[in-house]
Amino acid sequence: MKKIIPLMFCLTVFCASPVFAKFNPPPEGYRTISDKMTDGYFNKLNETQDGKMTLDEYKARDLTREDRRNMRKDQKSGNYKTDAQVFEEMDEDKDGFVTKEEMNAYIRKVRKDGRNFY
């Protein structure tokens, strides 16, 4: 019994030490997956390259096979949103345009909620 108690104490300290470890912030210039997704989508969709994406530009996007599959899944589960609904949700300031920052915020939100972005 005397040997078990110190062993349990050591095990507890060993297992709890990662909890108390100091969190290191990401290095300068680190880009998240959402940042990379936003760059790829926004640069491709913003045909005029004016920094503002319109609803027409968003609707004209090419859907991949995976996008179409995700759309069918969402339609079956009742989570499907039309292009206009998605655009309206992305357009935070309701000015009729979506900026790269608004799109990035939307992609982060969608990924956090576990939803599909297409």
PDB file of N, CA and C in Angstrom:
ATOM      1  N   MET A   1       0.823  -1.194   0.000  1.00  0.00           N
ATOM      2  CA  MET A   1       0.000   0.000   0.000  1.00  0.00           C
ATOM      3  C   MET A   1       0.870   1.263   0.000  1.00  0.00           C
ATOM      4  N   LYS A   2       1.987   1.232   0.750  1.00  0.00           N
ATOM      5  CA  LYS A   2       2.868   2.387   0.825  1.00  0.00           C
ATOM      6  C   LYS A   2       3.516   2.677  -0.527  1.00  0.00           C
ATOM      7  N   LYS A   3       3.724   1.654  -1.336  1.00  0.00           N
ATOM      8  CA  LYS A   3       4.334   1.844  -2.642  1.00  0.00           C
ATOM      9  C   LYS A   3       3.326   2.342  -3.676  1.00  0.00           C
ATOM     10  N   ILE A   4       2.069   2.031  -3.467  1.00  0.00           N
ATOM     11  CA  ILE A   4       1.027   2.414  -4.429  1.00  0.00           C
ATOM     12  C   ILE A   4       0.743   3.913  -4.367  1.00  0.00           C
ATOM     13  N   ILE A   5       0.731   4.489  -3.183  1.00  0.00           N
ATOM     14  CA  ILE A   5       0.391   5.910  -3.038  1.00  0.00           C
ATOM     15  C   ILE A   5       1.408   6.799  -3.757  1.00  0.00           C
ATOM     16  N   PRO A   6       2.730   6.618  -3.563  1.00  0.00           N
ATOM     17  CA  PRO A   6       3.670   7.458  -4.328  1.00  0.00           C
ATOM     18  C   PRO A   6       3.565   7.224  -5.829  1.00  0.00           C
ATOM     19  N   LEU A   7       3.279   5.993  -6.211  1.00  0.00           N
ATOM     20  CA  LEU A   7       3.118   5.695  -7.630  1.00  0.00           C
ATOM     21  C   LEU A   7       1.910   6.434  -8.204  1.00  0.00           C
ATOM     22  N   MET A   8       0.812   6.449  -7.471  1.00  0.00           N
ATOM     23  CA  MET A   8      -0.391   7.166  -7.914  1.00  0.00           C
ATOM     24  C   MET A   8      -0.126   8.667  -7.985  1.00  0.00           C
ATOM     25  N   PHE A   9       0.619   9.188  -7.023  1.00  0.00           N
ATOM     26  CA  PHE A   9       0.953  10.611  -7.029  1.00  0.00           C
ATOM     27  C   PHE A   9       1.778  10.963  -8.268  1.00  0.00           C
ATOM     28  N   CYS A  10       2.789  10.156  -8.557  1.00  0.00           N
ATOM     29  CA  CYS A  10       3.635  10.404  -9.733  1.00  0.00           C
ATOM     30  C   CYS A  10       2.825  10.316 -11.025  1.00  0.00           C
ATOM     31  N   LEU A  11       1.933   9.362 -11.104  1.00  0.00           N
ATOM     32  CA  LEU A  11       1.092   9.211 -12.276  1.00  0.00           C
ATOM     33  C   LEU A  11       0.182  10.419 -12.455  1.00  0.00           C
ATOM     34  N   THR A  12      -0.372  10.902 -11.369  1.00  0.00           N
ATOM     35  CA  THR A  12      -1.256  12.067 -11.420  1.00  0.00           C
ATOM     36  C   THR A  12      -0.495  13.303 -11.902  1.00  0.00           C
ATOM     37  N   VAL A  13       0.674  13.522 -11.360  1.00  0.00           N
ATOM     38  CA  VAL A  13       1.489  14.674 -11.758  1.00  0.00           C
ATOM     39  C   VAL A  13       1.889  14.557 -13.225  1.00  0.00           C
ATOM     40  N   PHE A  14       2.276  13.371 -13.641  1.00  0.00           N
ATOM     41  CA  PHE A  14       2.686  13.152 -15.027  1.00  0.00           C
ATOM     42  C   PHE A  14       1.532  13.404 -15.995  1.00  0.00           C
ATOM     43  N   CYS A  15       0.340  12.933 -15.656  1.00  0.00           N
ATOM     44  CA  CYS A  15      -0.818  13.097 -16.543  1.00  0.00           C
ATOM     45  C   CYS A  15      -1.330  14.529 -16.558  1.00  0.00           C
ATOM     46  N   ALA A  16      -1.211  15.240 -15.447  1.00  0.00           N
ATOM     47  CA  ALA A  16      -1.743  16.597 -15.361  1.00  0.00           C
ATOM     48  C   ALA A  16      -0.773  17.642 -15.884  1.00  0.00           C
ATOM     49  N   SER A  17       0.483  17.304 -16.053  1.00  0.00           N
ATOM     50  CA  SER A  17       1.467  18.307 -16.462  1.00  0.00           C
ATOM     51  C   SER A  17       1.157  18.941 -17.827  1.00  0.00           C
ATOM     52  N   PRO A  18       0.641  18.216 -18.823  1.00  0.00           N
ATOM     53  CA  PRO A  18       0.318  18.895 -20.086  1.00  0.00           C
ATOM     54  C   PRO A  18      -0.767  19.954 -19.930  1.00  0.00           C
ATOM     55  N   VAL A  19      -1.643  19.763 -18.934  1.00  0.00           N
ATOM     56  CA  VAL A  19      -2.712  20.735 -18.706  1.00  0.00           C
ATOM     57  C   VAL A  19      -2.126  22.066 -18.264  1.00  0.00           C
ATOM     58  N   PHE A  20      -1.068  22.025 -17.498  1.00  0.00           N
ATOM     59  CA  PHE A  20      -0.471  23.240 -16.969  1.00  0.00           C
ATOM     60  C   PHE A  20       0.641  23.805 -17.853  1.00  0.00           C
ATOM     61  N   ALA A  21       0.895  23.137 -18.952  1.00  0.00           N
ATOM     62  CA  ALA A  21       1.947  23.621 -19.864  1.00  0.00           C
ATOM     63  C   ALA A  21       1.522  24.958 -20.463  1.00  0.00           C
ATOM     64  N   LYS A  22       2.477  25.820 -20.692  1.00  0.00           N
ATOM     65  CA  LYS A  22       2.200  27.146 -21.239  1.00  0.00           C
ATOM     66  C   LYS A  22       1.883  27.023 -22.731  1.00  0.00           C
ATOM     67  N   PHE A  23       0.799  27.685 -23.150  1.00  0.00           N
ATOM     68  CA  PHE A  23       0.406  27.673 -24.555  1.00  0.00           C
ATOM     69  C   PHE A  23       1.292  28.637 -25.332  1.00  0.00           C
ATOM     70  N   ASN A  24       1.883  28.151 -26.401  1.00  0.00           N
ATOM     71  CA  ASN A  24       2.707  29.002 -27.247  1.00  0.00           C
ATOM     72  C   ASN A  24       1.870  29.522 -28.399  1.00  0.00           C
ATOM     73  N   PRO A  25       1.796  30.825 -28.575  1.00  0.00           N
ATOM     74  CA  PRO A  25       1.020  31.370 -29.684  1.00  0.00           C
ATOM     75  C   PRO A  25       1.660  30.998 -31.025  1.00  0.00           C
ATOM     76  N   PRO A  26       0.866  31.006 -32.084  1.00  0.00           N
ATOM     77  CA  PRO A  26       1.439  30.674 -33.396  1.00  0.00           C
ATOM     78  C   PRO A  26       2.481  31.713 -33.810  1.00  0.00           C
ATOM     79  N   PRO A  27       3.430  31.322 -34.631  1.00  0.00           N
ATOM     80  CA  PRO A  27       4.474  32.259 -35.057  1.00  0.00           C
ATOM     81  C   PRO A  27       3.912  33.379 -35.927  1.00  0.00           C
ATOM     82  N   GLU A  28       4.652  34.443 -36.030  1.00  0.00           N
ATOM     83  CA  GLU A  28       4.258  35.603 -36.839  1.00  0.00           C
ATOM     84  C   GLU A  28       4.020  35.168 -38.284  1.00  0.00           C
ATOM     85  N   GLY A  29       2.916  35.616 -38.859  1.00  0.00           N
ATOM     86  CA  GLY A  29       2.608  35.299 -40.247  1.00  0.00           C
ATOM     87  C   GLY A  29       1.944  33.950 -40.438  1.00  0.00           C
ATOM     88  N   TYR A  30       1.591  33.274 -39.346  1.00  0.00           N
ATOM     89  CA  TYR A  30       0.938  31.970 -39.446  1.00  0.00           C
ATOM     90  C   TYR A  30      -0.453  32.128 -40.056  1.00  0.00           C
ATOM     91  N   ARG A  31      -0.769  31.267 -40.988  1.00  0.00           N
ATOM     92  CA  ARG A  31      -2.071  31.330 -41.649  1.00  0.00           C
ATOM     93  C   ARG A  31      -2.849  30.051 -41.378  1.00  0.00           C
ATOM     94  N   THR A  32      -4.104  30.218 -40.967  1.00  0.00           N
ATOM     95  CA  THR A  32      -4.940  29.067 -40.667  1.00  0.00           C
ATOM     96  C   THR A  32      -5.498  28.475 -41.961  1.00  0.00           C
ATOM     97  N   ILE A  33      -6.119  27.325 -41.836  1.00  0.00           N
ATOM     98  CA  ILE A  33      -6.757  26.692 -42.993  1.00  0.00           C
ATOM     99  C   ILE A  33      -7.860  27.591 -43.528  1.00  0.00           C
ATOM    100  N   SER A  34      -8.603  28.237 -42.633  1.00  0.00           N
ATOM    101  CA  SER A  34      -9.672  29.137 -43.072  1.00  0.00           C
ATOM    102  C   SER A  34      -9.108  30.304 -43.886  1.00  0.00           C
ATOM    103  N   ASP A  35      -7.947  30.828 -43.472  1.00  0.00           N
ATOM    104  CA  ASP A  35      -7.312  31.914 -44.219  1.00  0.00           C
ATOM    105  C   ASP A  35      -6.945  31.456 -45.632  1.00  0.00           C
ATOM    106  N   LYS A  36      -6.395  30.265 -45.732  1.00  0.00           N
ATOM    107  CA  LYS A  36      -5.990  29.741 -47.033  1.00  0.00           C
ATOM    108  C   LYS A  36      -7.203  29.458 -47.912  1.00  0.00           C
ATOM    109  N   MET A  37      -8.268  28.925 -47.301  1.00  0.00           N
ATOM    110  CA  MET A  37      -9.497  28.673 -48.065  1.00  0.00           C
ATOM    111  C   MET A  37     -10.070  29.986 -48.589  1.00  0.00           C
ATOM    112  N   THR A  38     -10.085  31.006 -47.739  1.00  0.00           N
ATOM    113  CA  THR A  38     -10.629  32.298 -48.135  1.00  0.00           C
ATOM    114  C   THR A  38      -9.849  32.864 -49.315  1.00  0.00           C
ATOM    115  N   ASP A  39      -8.531  32.839 -49.249  1.00  0.00           N
ATOM    116  CA  ASP A  39      -7.714  33.355 -50.349  1.00  0.00           C
ATOM    117  C   ASP A  39      -8.046  32.640 -51.652  1.00  0.00           C
ATOM    118  N   GLY A  40      -8.125  31.327 -51.584  1.00  0.00           N
ATOM    119  CA  GLY A  40      -8.397  30.557 -52.789  1.00  0.00           C
ATOM    120  C   GLY A  40      -9.760  30.854 -53.378  1.00  0.00           C
ATOM    121  N   TYR A  41     -10.786  30.808 -52.544  1.00  0.00           N
ATOM    122  CA  TYR A  41     -12.148  31.056 -53.026  1.00  0.00           C
ATOM    123  C   TYR A  41     -12.331  32.499 -53.488  1.00  0.00           C
ATOM    124  N   PHE A  42     -11.911  33.431 -52.652  1.00  0.00           N
ATOM    125  CA  PHE A  42     -12.186  34.838 -52.955  1.00  0.00           C
ATOM    126  C   PHE A  42     -11.472  35.287 -54.227  1.00  0.00           C
ATOM    127  N   ASN A  43     -10.222  34.919 -54.377  1.00  0.00           N
ATOM    128  CA  ASN A  43      -9.489  35.332 -55.575  1.00  0.00           C
ATOM    129  C   ASN A  43     -10.081  34.721 -56.835  1.00  0.00           C
ATOM    130  N   LYS A  44     -10.621  33.516 -56.711  1.00  0.00           N
ATOM    131  CA  LYS A  44     -11.226  32.862 -57.863  1.00  0.00           C
ATOM    132  C   LYS A  44     -12.603  33.462 -58.181  1.00  0.00           C
ATOM    133  N   LEU A  45     -13.373  33.795 -57.154  1.00  0.00           N
ATOM    134  CA  LEU A  45     -14.735  34.272 -57.358  1.00  0.00           C
ATOM    135  C   LEU A  45     -14.821  35.759 -57.695  1.00  0.00           C
ATOM    136  N   ASN A  46     -13.907  36.541 -57.185  1.00  0.00           N
ATOM    137  CA  ASN A  46     -13.941  37.990 -57.410  1.00  0.00           C
ATOM    138  C   ASN A  46     -13.324  38.294 -58.775  1.00  0.00           C
ATOM    139  N   GLU A  47     -14.137  38.181 -59.811  1.00  0.00           N
ATOM    140  CA  GLU A  47     -13.648  38.317 -61.185  1.00  0.00           C
ATOM    141  C   GLU A  47     -13.079  39.696 -61.488  1.00  0.00           C
ATOM    142  N   THR A  48     -13.669  40.729 -60.921  1.00  0.00           N
ATOM    143  CA  THR A  48     -13.215  42.093 -61.203  1.00  0.00           C
ATOM    144  C   THR A  48     -11.981  42.478 -60.381  1.00  0.00           C
ATOM    145  N   GLN A  49     -11.627  41.649 -59.410  1.00  0.00           N
ATOM    146  CA  GLN A  49     -10.463  41.888 -58.537  1.00  0.00           C
ATOM    147  C   GLN A  49     -10.504  43.265 -57.874  1.00  0.00           C
ATOM    148  N   ASP A  50     -11.715  43.695 -57.502  1.00  0.00           N
ATOM    149  CA  ASP A  50     -11.869  44.988 -56.838  1.00  0.00           C
ATOM    150  C   ASP A  50     -11.970  44.855 -55.322  1.00  0.00           C
ATOM    151  N   GLY A  51     -11.859  43.638 -54.811  1.00  0.00           N
ATOM    152  CA  GLY A  51     -11.929  43.429 -53.370  1.00  0.00           C
ATOM    153  C   GLY A  51     -13.342  43.275 -52.855  1.00  0.00           C
ATOM    154  N   LYS A  52     -14.327  43.292 -53.765  1.00  0.00           N
ATOM    155  CA  LYS A  52     -15.724  43.141 -53.381  1.00  0.00           C
ATOM    156  C   LYS A  52     -16.371  42.105 -54.291  1.00  0.00           C
ATOM    157  N   MET A  53     -16.954  41.081 -53.685  1.00  0.00           N
ATOM    158  CA  MET A  53     -17.615  40.043 -54.462  1.00  0.00           C
ATOM    159  C   MET A  53     -19.120  40.298 -54.456  1.00  0.00           C
ATOM    160  N   THR A  54     -19.724  40.242 -55.631  1.00  0.00           N
ATOM    161  CA  THR A  54     -21.162  40.440 -55.752  1.00  0.00           C
ATOM    162  C   THR A  54     -21.873  39.096 -55.729  1.00  0.00           C
ATOM    163  N   LEU A  55     -23.183  39.147 -55.609  1.00  0.00           N
ATOM    164  CA  LEU A  55     -23.981  37.924 -55.632  1.00  0.00           C
ATOM    165  C   LEU A  55     -23.850  37.223 -56.974  1.00  0.00           C
ATOM    166  N   ASP A  56     -23.822  37.989 -58.065  1.00  0.00           N
ATOM    167  CA  ASP A  56     -23.663  37.383 -59.395  1.00  0.00           C
ATOM    168  C   ASP A  56     -22.328  36.651 -59.531  1.00  0.00           C
ATOM    169  N   GLU A  57     -21.266  37.240 -58.990  1.00  0.00           N
ATOM    170  CA  GLU A  57     -19.954  36.584 -59.026  1.00  0.00           C
ATOM    171  C   GLU A  57     -19.986  35.295 -58.200  1.00  0.00           C
ATOM    172  N   TYR A  58     -20.680  35.336 -57.073  1.00  0.00           N
ATOM    173  CA  TYR A  58     -20.773  34.143 -56.223  1.00  0.00           C
ATOM    174  C   TYR A  58     -21.575  33.043 -56.916  1.00  0.00           C
ATOM    175  N   LYS A  59     -22.662  33.423 -57.563  1.00  0.00           N
ATOM    176  CA  LYS A  59     -23.506  32.434 -58.248  1.00  0.00           C
ATOM    177  C   LYS A  59     -22.799  31.808 -59.444  1.00  0.00           C
ATOM    178  N   ALA A  60     -21.860  32.517 -60.050  1.00  0.00           N
ATOM    179  CA  ALA A  60     -21.182  32.038 -61.260  1.00  0.00           C
ATOM    180  C   ALA A  60     -20.037  31.071 -60.954  1.00  0.00           C
ATOM    181  N   ARG A  61     -19.846  30.721 -59.698  1.00  0.00           N
ATOM    182  CA  ARG A  61     -18.723  29.850 -59.335  1.00  0.00           C
ATOM    183  C   ARG A  61     -18.919  28.454 -59.917  1.00  0.00           C
ATOM    184  N   ASP A  62     -17.807  27.772 -60.128  1.00  0.00           N
ATOM    185  CA  ASP A  62     -17.829  26.385 -60.591  1.00  0.00           C
ATOM    186  C   ASP A  62     -17.870  25.474 -59.370  1.00  0.00           C
ATOM    187  N   LEU A  63     -18.837  24.575 -59.337  1.00  0.00           N
ATOM    188  CA  LEU A  63     -18.940  23.633 -58.227  1.00  0.00           C
ATOM    189  C   LEU A  63     -18.190  22.354 -58.567  1.00  0.00           C
ATOM    190  N   THR A  64     -17.431  21.871 -57.619  1.00  0.00           N
ATOM    191  CA  THR A  64     -16.723  20.614 -57.821  1.00  0.00           C
ATOM    192  C   THR A  64     -17.672  19.449 -57.549  1.00  0.00           C
ATOM    193  N   ARG A  65     -17.211  18.285 -57.843  1.00  0.00           N
ATOM    194  CA  ARG A  65     -18.004  17.082 -57.584  1.00  0.00           C
ATOM    195  C   ARG A  65     -18.299  16.957 -56.089  1.00  0.00           C
ATOM    196  N   GLU A  66     -17.291  17.270 -55.269  1.00  0.00           N
ATOM    197  CA  GLU A  66     -17.480  17.209 -53.817  1.00  0.00           C
ATOM    198  C   GLU A  66     -18.492  18.250 -53.342  1.00  0.00           C
ATOM    199  N   ASP A  67     -18.460  19.439 -53.944  1.00  0.00           N
ATOM    200  CA  ASP A  67     -19.436  20.475 -53.594  1.00  0.00           C
ATOM    201  C   ASP A  67     -20.860  19.993 -53.867  1.00  0.00           C
ATOM    202  N   ARG A  68     -21.056  19.396 -55.047  1.00  0.00           N
ATOM    203  CA  ARG A  68     -22.392  18.911 -55.401  1.00  0.00           C
ATOM    204  C   ARG A  68     -22.833  17.787 -54.454  1.00  0.00           C
ATOM    205  N   ARG A  69     -21.898  16.920 -54.062  1.00  0.00           N
ATOM    206  CA  ARG A  69     -22.221  15.854 -53.122  1.00  0.00           C
ATOM    207  C   ARG A  69     -22.625  16.432 -51.760  1.00  0.00           C
ATOM    208  N   ASN A  70     -21.883  17.444 -51.303  1.00  0.00           N
ATOM    209  CA  ASN A  70     -22.216  18.079 -50.029  1.00  0.00           C
ATOM    210  C   ASN A  70     -23.563  18.792 -50.098  1.00  0.00           C
ATOM    211  N   MET A  71     -23.875  19.366 -51.246  1.00  0.00           N
ATOM    212  CA  MET A  71     -25.172  20.025 -51.408  1.00  0.00           C
ATOM    213  C   MET A  71     -26.308  19.000 -51.295  1.00  0.00           C
ATOM    214  N   ARG A  72     -26.148  17.845 -51.924  1.00  0.00           N
ATOM    215  CA  ARG A  72     -27.178  16.799 -51.846  1.00  0.00           C
ATOM    216  C   ARG A  72     -27.359  16.319 -50.402  1.00  0.00           C
ATOM    217  N   LYS A  73     -26.236  16.167 -49.683  1.00  0.00           N
ATOM    218  CA  LYS A  73     -26.312  15.763 -48.278  1.00  0.00           C
ATOM    219  C   LYS A  73     -27.098  16.796 -47.467  1.00  0.00           C
ATOM    220  N   ASP A  74     -26.783  18.066 -47.688  1.00  0.00           N
ATOM    221  CA  ASP A  74     -27.464  19.129 -46.948  1.00  0.00           C
ATOM    222  C   ASP A  74     -28.941  19.210 -47.322  1.00  0.00           C
ATOM    223  N   GLN A  75     -29.273  18.953 -48.583  1.00  0.00           N
ATOM    224  CA  GLN A  75     -30.674  18.966 -48.996  1.00  0.00           C
ATOM    225  C   GLN A  75     -31.447  17.860 -48.295  1.00  0.00           C
ATOM    226  N   LYS A  76     -30.838  16.683 -48.182  1.00  0.00           N
ATOM    227  CA  LYS A  76     -31.496  15.561 -47.514  1.00  0.00           C
ATOM    228  C   LYS A  76     -31.669  15.822 -46.022  1.00  0.00           C
ATOM    229  N   SER A  77     -30.671  16.465 -45.411  1.00  0.00           N
ATOM    230  CA  SER A  77     -30.736  16.698 -43.964  1.00  0.00           C
ATOM    231  C   SER A  77     -31.499  17.972 -43.595  1.00  0.00           C
ATOM    232  N   GLY A  78     -31.870  18.773 -44.591  1.00  0.00           N
ATOM    233  CA  GLY A  78     -32.613  19.998 -44.313  1.00  0.00           C
ATOM    234  C   GLY A  78     -31.730  21.186 -43.975  1.00  0.00           C
ATOM    235  N   ASN A  79     -30.421  21.083 -44.172  1.00  0.00           N
ATOM    236  CA  ASN A  79     -29.488  22.171 -43.856  1.00  0.00           C
ATOM    237  C   ASN A  79     -29.096  22.988 -45.076  1.00  0.00           C
ATOM    238  N   TYR A  80     -29.707  22.737 -46.213  1.00  0.00           N
ATOM    239  CA  TYR A  80     -29.309  23.401 -47.454  1.00  0.00           C
ATOM    240  C   TYR A  80     -29.735  24.865 -47.446  1.00  0.00           C
ATOM    241  N   LYS A  81     -28.867  25.721 -47.930  1.00  0.00           N
ATOM    242  CA  LYS A  81     -29.165  27.143 -48.098  1.00  0.00           C
ATOM    243  C   LYS A  81     -28.911  27.512 -49.549  1.00  0.00           C
ATOM    244  N   THR A  82     -29.767  28.355 -50.084  1.00  0.00           N
ATOM    245  CA  THR A  82     -29.586  28.801 -51.460  1.00  0.00           C
ATOM    246  C   THR A  82     -28.391  29.741 -51.537  1.00  0.00           C
ATOM    247  N   ASP A  83     -27.956  30.013 -52.766  1.00  0.00           N
ATOM    248  CA  ASP A  83     -26.827  30.935 -52.952  1.00  0.00           C
ATOM    249  C   ASP A  83     -27.126  32.294 -52.333  1.00  0.00           C
ATOM    250  N   ALA A  84     -28.354  32.766 -52.524  1.00  0.00           N
ATOM    251  CA  ALA A  84     -28.724  34.079 -51.982  1.00  0.00           C
ATOM    252  C   ALA A  84     -28.697  34.076 -50.455  1.00  0.00           C
ATOM    253  N   GLN A  85     -29.140  32.979 -49.841  1.00  0.00           N
ATOM    254  CA  GLN A  85     -29.122  32.893 -48.379  1.00  0.00           C
ATOM    255  C   GLN A  85     -27.695  32.866 -47.845  1.00  0.00           C
ATOM    256  N   VAL A  86     -26.833  32.115 -48.507  1.00  0.00           N
ATOM    257  CA  VAL A  86     -25.423  32.044 -48.084  1.00  0.00           C
ATOM    258  C   VAL A  86     -24.768  33.411 -48.250  1.00  0.00           C
ATOM    259  N   PHE A  87     -25.022  34.060 -49.392  1.00  0.00           N
ATOM    260  CA  PHE A  87     -24.426  35.374 -49.644  1.00  0.00           C
ATOM    261  C   PHE A  87     -24.901  36.385 -48.603  1.00  0.00           C
ATOM    262  N   GLU A  88     -26.183  36.341 -48.286  1.00  0.00           N
ATOM    263  CA  GLU A  88     -26.733  37.268 -47.283  1.00  0.00           C
ATOM    264  C   GLU A  88     -26.106  37.026 -45.913  1.00  0.00           C
ATOM    265  N   GLU A  89     -25.861  35.760 -45.586  1.00  0.00           N
ATOM    266  CA  GLU A  89     -25.224  35.438 -44.311  1.00  0.00           C
ATOM    267  C   GLU A  89     -23.760  35.887 -44.293  1.00  0.00           C
ATOM    268  N   MET A  90     -23.083  35.804 -45.441  1.00  0.00           N
ATOM    269  CA  MET A  90     -21.689  36.252 -45.524  1.00  0.00           C
ATOM    270  C   MET A  90     -21.580  37.768 -45.417  1.00  0.00           C
ATOM    271  N   ASP A  91     -22.533  38.476 -46.005  1.00  0.00           N
ATOM    272  CA  ASP A  91     -22.503  39.945 -46.073  1.00  0.00           C
ATOM    273  C   ASP A  91     -22.916  40.525 -44.725  1.00  0.00           C
ATOM    274  N   GLU A  92     -21.954  40.674 -43.830  1.00  0.00           N
ATOM    275  CA  GLU A  92     -22.243  41.109 -42.465  1.00  0.00           C
ATOM    276  C   GLU A  92     -22.779  42.528 -42.372  1.00  0.00           C
ATOM    277  N   ASP A  93     -22.248  43.447 -43.190  1.00  0.00           N
ATOM    278  CA  ASP A  93     -22.687  44.838 -43.097  1.00  0.00           C
ATOM    279  C   ASP A  93     -23.834  45.162 -44.055  1.00  0.00           C
ATOM    280  N   LYS A  94     -24.323  44.172 -44.782  1.00  0.00           N
ATOM    281  CA  LYS A  94     -25.498  44.287 -45.664  1.00  0.00           C
ATOM    282  C   LYS A  94     -25.367  45.409 -46.688  1.00  0.00           C
ATOM    283  N   ASP A  95     -24.165  45.523 -47.283  1.00  0.00           N
ATOM    284  CA  ASP A  95     -23.957  46.546 -48.307  1.00  0.00           C
ATOM    285  C   ASP A  95     -24.064  45.981 -49.723  1.00  0.00           C
ATOM    286  N   GLY A  96     -24.387  44.693 -49.838  1.00  0.00           N
ATOM    287  CA  GLY A  96     -24.540  44.078 -51.151  1.00  0.00           C
ATOM    288  C   GLY A  96     -23.256  43.507 -51.721  1.00  0.00           C
ATOM    289  N   PHE A  97     -22.161  43.616 -50.976  1.00  0.00           N
ATOM    290  CA  PHE A  97     -20.865  43.080 -51.388  1.00  0.00           C
ATOM    291  C   PHE A  97     -20.281  42.259 -50.247  1.00  0.00           C
ATOM    292  N   VAL A  98     -19.465  41.285 -50.597  1.00  0.00           N
ATOM    293  CA  VAL A  98     -18.749  40.503 -49.591  1.00  0.00           C
ATOM    294  C   VAL A  98     -17.268  40.773 -49.771  1.00  0.00           C
ATOM    295  N   THR A  99     -16.626  41.195 -48.690  1.00  0.00           N
ATOM    296  CA  THR A  99     -15.184  41.414 -48.722  1.00  0.00           C
ATOM    297  C   THR A  99     -14.470  40.132 -48.293  1.00  0.00           C
ATOM    298  N   LYS A 100     -13.163  40.133 -48.458  1.00  0.00           N
ATOM    299  CA  LYS A 100     -12.371  38.956 -48.069  1.00  0.00           C
ATOM    300  C   LYS A 100     -12.495  38.711 -46.566  1.00  0.00           C
ATOM    301  N   GLU A 101     -12.541  39.762 -45.777  1.00  0.00           N
ATOM    302  CA  GLU A 101     -12.658  39.613 -44.322  1.00  0.00           C
ATOM    303  C   GLU A 101     -14.008  39.005 -43.940  1.00  0.00           C
ATOM    304  N   GLU A 102     -15.080  39.451 -44.618  1.00  0.00           N
ATOM    305  CA  GLU A 102     -16.405  38.894 -44.340  1.00  0.00           C
ATOM    306  C   GLU A 102     -16.463  37.415 -44.722  1.00  0.00           C
ATOM    307  N   MET A 103     -15.865  37.093 -45.852  1.00  0.00           N
ATOM    308  CA  MET A 103     -15.850  35.696 -46.282  1.00  0.00           C
ATOM    309  C   MET A 103     -15.030  34.841 -45.319  1.00  0.00           C
ATOM    310  N   ASN A 104     -13.907  35.355 -44.847  1.00  0.00           N
ATOM    311  CA  ASN A 104     -13.076  34.624 -43.898  1.00  0.00           C
ATOM    312  C   ASN A 104     -13.845  34.367 -42.608  1.00  0.00           C
ATOM    313  N   ALA A 105     -14.559  35.370 -42.112  1.00  0.00           N
ATOM    314  CA  ALA A 105     -15.345  35.201 -40.888  1.00  0.00           C
ATOM    315  C   ALA A 105     -16.434  34.146 -41.089  1.00  0.00           C
ATOM    316  N   TYR A 106     -17.054  34.156 -42.269  1.00  0.00           N
ATOM    317  CA  TYR A 106     -18.108  33.178 -42.560  1.00  0.00           C
ATOM    318  C   TYR A 106     -17.531  31.760 -42.642  1.00  0.00           C
ATOM    319  N   ILE A 107     -16.399  31.605 -43.309  1.00  0.00           N
ATOM    320  CA  ILE A 107     -15.794  30.274 -43.438  1.00  0.00           C
ATOM    321  C   ILE A 107     -15.389  29.747 -42.061  1.00  0.00           C
ATOM    322  N   ARG A 108     -14.843  30.609 -41.211  1.00  0.00           N
ATOM    323  CA  ARG A 108     -14.487  30.189 -39.850  1.00  0.00           C
ATOM    324  C   ARG A 108     -15.732  29.705 -39.094  1.00  0.00           C
ATOM    325  N   LYS A 109     -16.813  30.467 -39.235  1.00  0.00           N
ATOM    326  CA  LYS A 109     -18.057  30.121 -38.549  1.00  0.00           C
ATOM    327  C   LYS A 109     -18.605  28.788 -39.054  1.00  0.00           C
ATOM    328  N   VAL A 110     -18.608  28.606 -40.356  1.00  0.00           N
ATOM    329  CA  VAL A 110     -19.130  27.379 -40.956  1.00  0.00           C
ATOM    330  C   VAL A 110     -18.293  26.174 -40.524  1.00  0.00           C
ATOM    331  N   ARG A 111     -16.974  26.325 -40.552  1.00  0.00           N
ATOM    332  CA  ARG A 111     -16.092  25.221 -40.149  1.00  0.00           C
ATOM    333  C   ARG A 111     -16.265  24.908 -38.665  1.00  0.00           C
ATOM    334  N   LYS A 112     -16.443  25.944 -37.848  1.00  0.00           N
ATOM    335  CA  LYS A 112     -16.625  25.737 -36.407  1.00  0.00           C
ATOM    336  C   LYS A 112     -17.926  24.984 -36.136  1.00  0.00           C
ATOM    337  N   ASP A 113     -18.970  25.296 -36.911  1.00  0.00           N
ATOM    338  CA  ASP A 113     -20.270  24.648 -36.748  1.00  0.00           C
ATOM    339  C   ASP A 113     -20.315  23.253 -37.370  1.00  0.00           C
ATOM    340  N   GLY A 114     -19.269  22.900 -38.129  1.00  0.00           N
ATOM    341  CA  GLY A 114     -19.229  21.588 -38.759  1.00  0.00           C
ATOM    342  C   GLY A 114     -20.078  21.500 -40.016  1.00  0.00           C
ATOM    343  N   ARG A 115     -20.416  22.653 -40.580  1.00  0.00           N
ATOM    344  CA  ARG A 115     -21.221  22.663 -41.804  1.00  0.00           C
ATOM    345  C   ARG A 115     -20.315  22.654 -43.025  1.00  0.00           C
ATOM    346  N   ASN A 116     -20.924  22.441 -44.178  1.00  0.00           N
ATOM    347  CA  ASN A 116     -20.192  22.438 -45.452  1.00  0.00           C
ATOM    348  C   ASN A 116     -20.187  23.828 -46.051  1.00  0.00           C
ATOM    349  N   PHE A 117     -19.089  24.162 -46.703  1.00  0.00           N
ATOM    350  CA  PHE A 117     -19.002  25.417 -47.450  1.00  0.00           C
ATOM    351  C   PHE A 117     -18.811  25.069 -48.914  1.00  0.00           C
ATOM    352  N   TYR A 118     -19.741  25.501 -49.744  1.00  0.00           N
ATOM    353  CA  TYR A 118     -19.638  25.235 -51.182  1.00  0.00           C
ATOM    354  C   TYR A 118     -20.093  26.430 -51.968  1.00  0.00           C
TER     355      TYR A 118
END
